[in-house]
Protein backbone atom coordinates (compact mmCIF):
# COMPACT_ATOMS: atom_id res chain seq x y z
CA MET A 1 -0.04 -0.11 0.01
CA ASN A 2 1.39 3.28 -0.98
CA ASP A 3 0.14 6.23 0.89
CA GLY A 4 1.70 8.79 -1.55
CA PHE A 5 5.32 8.47 -0.10
CA LYS A 6 7.93 7.27 -2.26
CA ASN A 7 10.35 5.02 -0.56
CA ALA A 8 8.67 5.28 2.82
CA THR A 9 10.84 4.22 5.74
CA ALA A 10 9.82 2.76 9.04
CA PRO A 11 9.41 5.18 11.86
CA ALA A 12 12.47 3.88 13.68
CA GLU A 13 14.80 4.14 10.73
CA ARG A 14 13.47 7.62 10.11
CA TYR A 15 14.22 8.92 13.59
CA GLY A 16 17.44 7.05 13.93
CA SER A 17 18.85 9.00 10.98
CA LEU A 18 17.53 12.22 12.52
CA LEU A 19 19.31 11.33 15.71
CA MET A 20 22.40 10.87 13.77
CA LEU A 21 22.04 14.15 11.92
CA ALA A 22 21.38 15.87 15.24
CA LEU A 23 24.55 14.50 16.77
CA SER A 24 26.78 15.26 13.81
CA SER A 25 25.28 18.82 13.85
CA LEU A 26 26.29 19.24 17.43
CA VAL A 27 29.64 18.03 16.83
CA ALA A 28 30.08 20.19 13.69
CA GLY A 29 28.77 23.18 15.70
CA VAL A 30 31.16 22.68 18.59
CA ALA A 31 34.25 22.21 16.33
CA THR A 32 33.48 25.17 14.23
CA GLY A 33 32.63 27.38 17.29
CA LEU A 34 36.00 26.49 18.99
CA VAL A 35 38.04 27.15 15.75
CA GLY A 36 36.11 30.38 15.41
CA ALA A 37 36.63 31.31 18.95
CA ALA A 38 40.34 30.57 18.88
CA PHE A 39 40.74 32.55 15.77
CA ARG A 40 38.84 35.56 17.33
CA LEU A 41 41.00 35.35 20.51
CA SER A 42 44.10 35.12 18.52
CA LEU A 43 43.08 38.24 16.52
CA VAL A 44 42.58 40.31 19.61
CA TRP A 45 46.05 39.14 20.94
CA ALA A 46 47.70 40.02 17.57
CA ASP A 47 45.92 43.38 17.58
CA ARG A 48 47.13 44.19 21.11
CA LEU A 49 50.61 43.07 20.09
CA ARG A 50 50.65 45.42 17.25
CA ASN A 51 49.28 48.26 19.33
CA SER A 52 52.01 47.65 21.79
CA LEU A 53 54.74 47.73 19.15
CA VAL A 54 53.23 51.07 17.68
CA THR A 55 53.16 52.64 21.21
CA TRP A 56 56.79 51.44 21.86
CA GLY A 57 57.95 52.80 18.28
CA HIS A 58 56.13 56.05 18.64
CA ASP A 59 58.75 57.39 21.14
CA ARG A 60 61.64 56.14 19.16
CA ASP A 61 61.27 58.43 15.99
CA ILE A 62 62.49 56.94 12.82
CA PRO A 63 64.09 53.54 14.15
CA GLY A 64 60.71 52.81 15.81
CA PHE A 65 58.79 53.75 12.60
CA LEU A 66 60.88 51.47 10.59
CA LEU A 67 60.73 48.70 13.16
CA VAL A 68 56.87 48.93 13.14
CA ILE A 69 56.85 48.95 9.35
CA SER A 70 59.15 46.06 8.79
CA SER A 71 57.39 43.85 11.48
CA CYS A 72 54.07 44.39 9.66
CA ALA A 73 55.50 43.84 6.31
CA THR A 74 57.24 40.55 7.53
CA ALA A 75 53.97 39.23 9.10
CA THR A 76 52.05 40.15 5.88
CA GLY A 77 54.81 38.63 3.77
CA ALA A 78 55.01 35.42 5.96
CA ALA A 79 51.14 35.08 5.58
CA ALA A 80 51.41 35.34 1.78
CA TRP A 81 54.17 32.81 1.71
CA LEU A 82 52.31 30.30 3.84
CA VAL A 83 49.03 30.47 1.28
CA ARG A 84 51.25 30.18 -1.62
CA ARG A 85 53.46 27.39 -0.30
CA PHE A 86 50.96 25.17 1.52
CA SER A 87 47.32 25.84 0.44
CA PRO A 88 46.60 28.20 -2.64
CA HIS A 89 42.88 27.76 -1.80
CA ALA A 90 43.39 29.70 1.43
CA SER A 91 43.66 33.04 -0.42
CA GLY A 92 40.92 35.70 -0.31
CA SER A 93 38.07 35.60 1.99
CA GLY A 94 36.84 32.07 1.28
CA ILE A 95 33.26 32.76 1.20
CA PRO A 96 33.02 32.68 -2.74
CA HIS A 97 34.82 29.28 -2.58
CA VAL A 98 32.41 27.81 0.15
CA GLU A 99 29.43 29.10 -1.94
CA ALA A 100 30.96 27.26 -5.05
CA VAL A 101 31.35 24.09 -3.07
CA VAL A 102 27.72 24.25 -1.94
CA LYS A 103 26.67 24.69 -5.62
CA GLU A 104 28.81 21.71 -6.40
CA GLU A 105 30.93 23.64 -8.84
CA LEU A 106 34.22 23.06 -7.09
CA LEU A 107 35.47 20.37 -4.71
CA PRO A 108 35.87 20.90 -1.09
CA VAL A 109 39.22 22.10 0.22
CA PRO A 110 41.38 19.59 2.22
CA PHE A 111 41.64 19.84 5.98
CA ALA A 112 45.23 21.33 5.61
CA LEU A 113 43.60 24.73 4.72
CA ILE A 114 42.56 25.29 8.42
CA PRO A 115 46.02 25.96 9.94
CA VAL A 116 47.02 27.86 6.83
CA LYS A 117 44.05 30.10 6.85
CA PHE A 118 44.20 30.38 10.59
CA LEU A 119 47.87 31.42 10.93
CA GLY A 120 47.86 33.36 7.66
CA GLY A 121 44.72 35.36 9.00
CA VAL A 122 46.26 36.01 12.33
CA LEU A 123 49.45 37.36 10.65
CA SER A 124 47.77 39.46 7.96
CA ILE A 125 44.92 40.86 10.05
CA GLY A 126 47.02 41.09 12.97
CA SER A 127 49.54 43.35 11.12
CA GLY A 128 46.80 45.92 10.26
CA LEU A 129 45.64 44.81 6.94
CA ALA A 130 41.88 45.86 6.35
CA LEU A 131 40.53 42.35 6.29
CA GLY A 132 37.51 40.97 8.10
CA ARG A 133 37.51 37.88 10.34
CA GLU A 134 34.16 36.55 9.06
CA GLY A 135 35.33 35.15 5.74
CA PRO A 136 38.17 33.14 7.13
CA SER A 137 36.03 31.87 9.84
CA VAL A 138 33.42 30.70 7.30
CA HIS A 139 36.02 29.10 5.25
CA MET A 140 37.75 27.25 8.21
CA ALA A 141 34.31 26.12 9.43
CA ALA A 142 33.33 24.74 5.93
CA SER A 143 36.68 23.01 5.72
CA LEU A 144 35.89 21.18 9.06
CA ILE A 145 32.59 19.65 7.99
C-alpha cells in the first residue's frame, strides 16, 4: 500500500537518521565554534601586540617607525608565503569558494587549509591589513565539515 510517499521508511529508521543528523550537527557546531573562538582570540592578541609595538615605536622616532613597518610587512609576507606554499585555496576571504562548493561547482578543500588560513589570517589581519575575520571563519568552518 502506497500512501503517497516514495521510499517510505519505518519510523524507527527515520528517527534514527534524525538522531545521527542531530548528533553530527552538534559535533560540527562545537568544532566550528572552537575554531572560530580561537581565531577571534588570536586576532585580539595580535591586535594588542601590534598596538604595543606601535606605542613603543612612537617614542623612538625613525628607528621605531621602521621597526613597526618592517614587522608588519614581514608578518604580511609570511602570511602570503604560507598561502602560496601550503594551501593556495586559502587565499581571499573564502566565502565565494564555500558558495561554489555548496553549488557543487568546486571540490571541497582539504583539512590542511585550516592551519594555513588560521595562521595566515592572524598574521595578516594582526599586522593591520583591512580584512575581516568573518570570511576566514566561514572558510575554516566549511573545511571542518
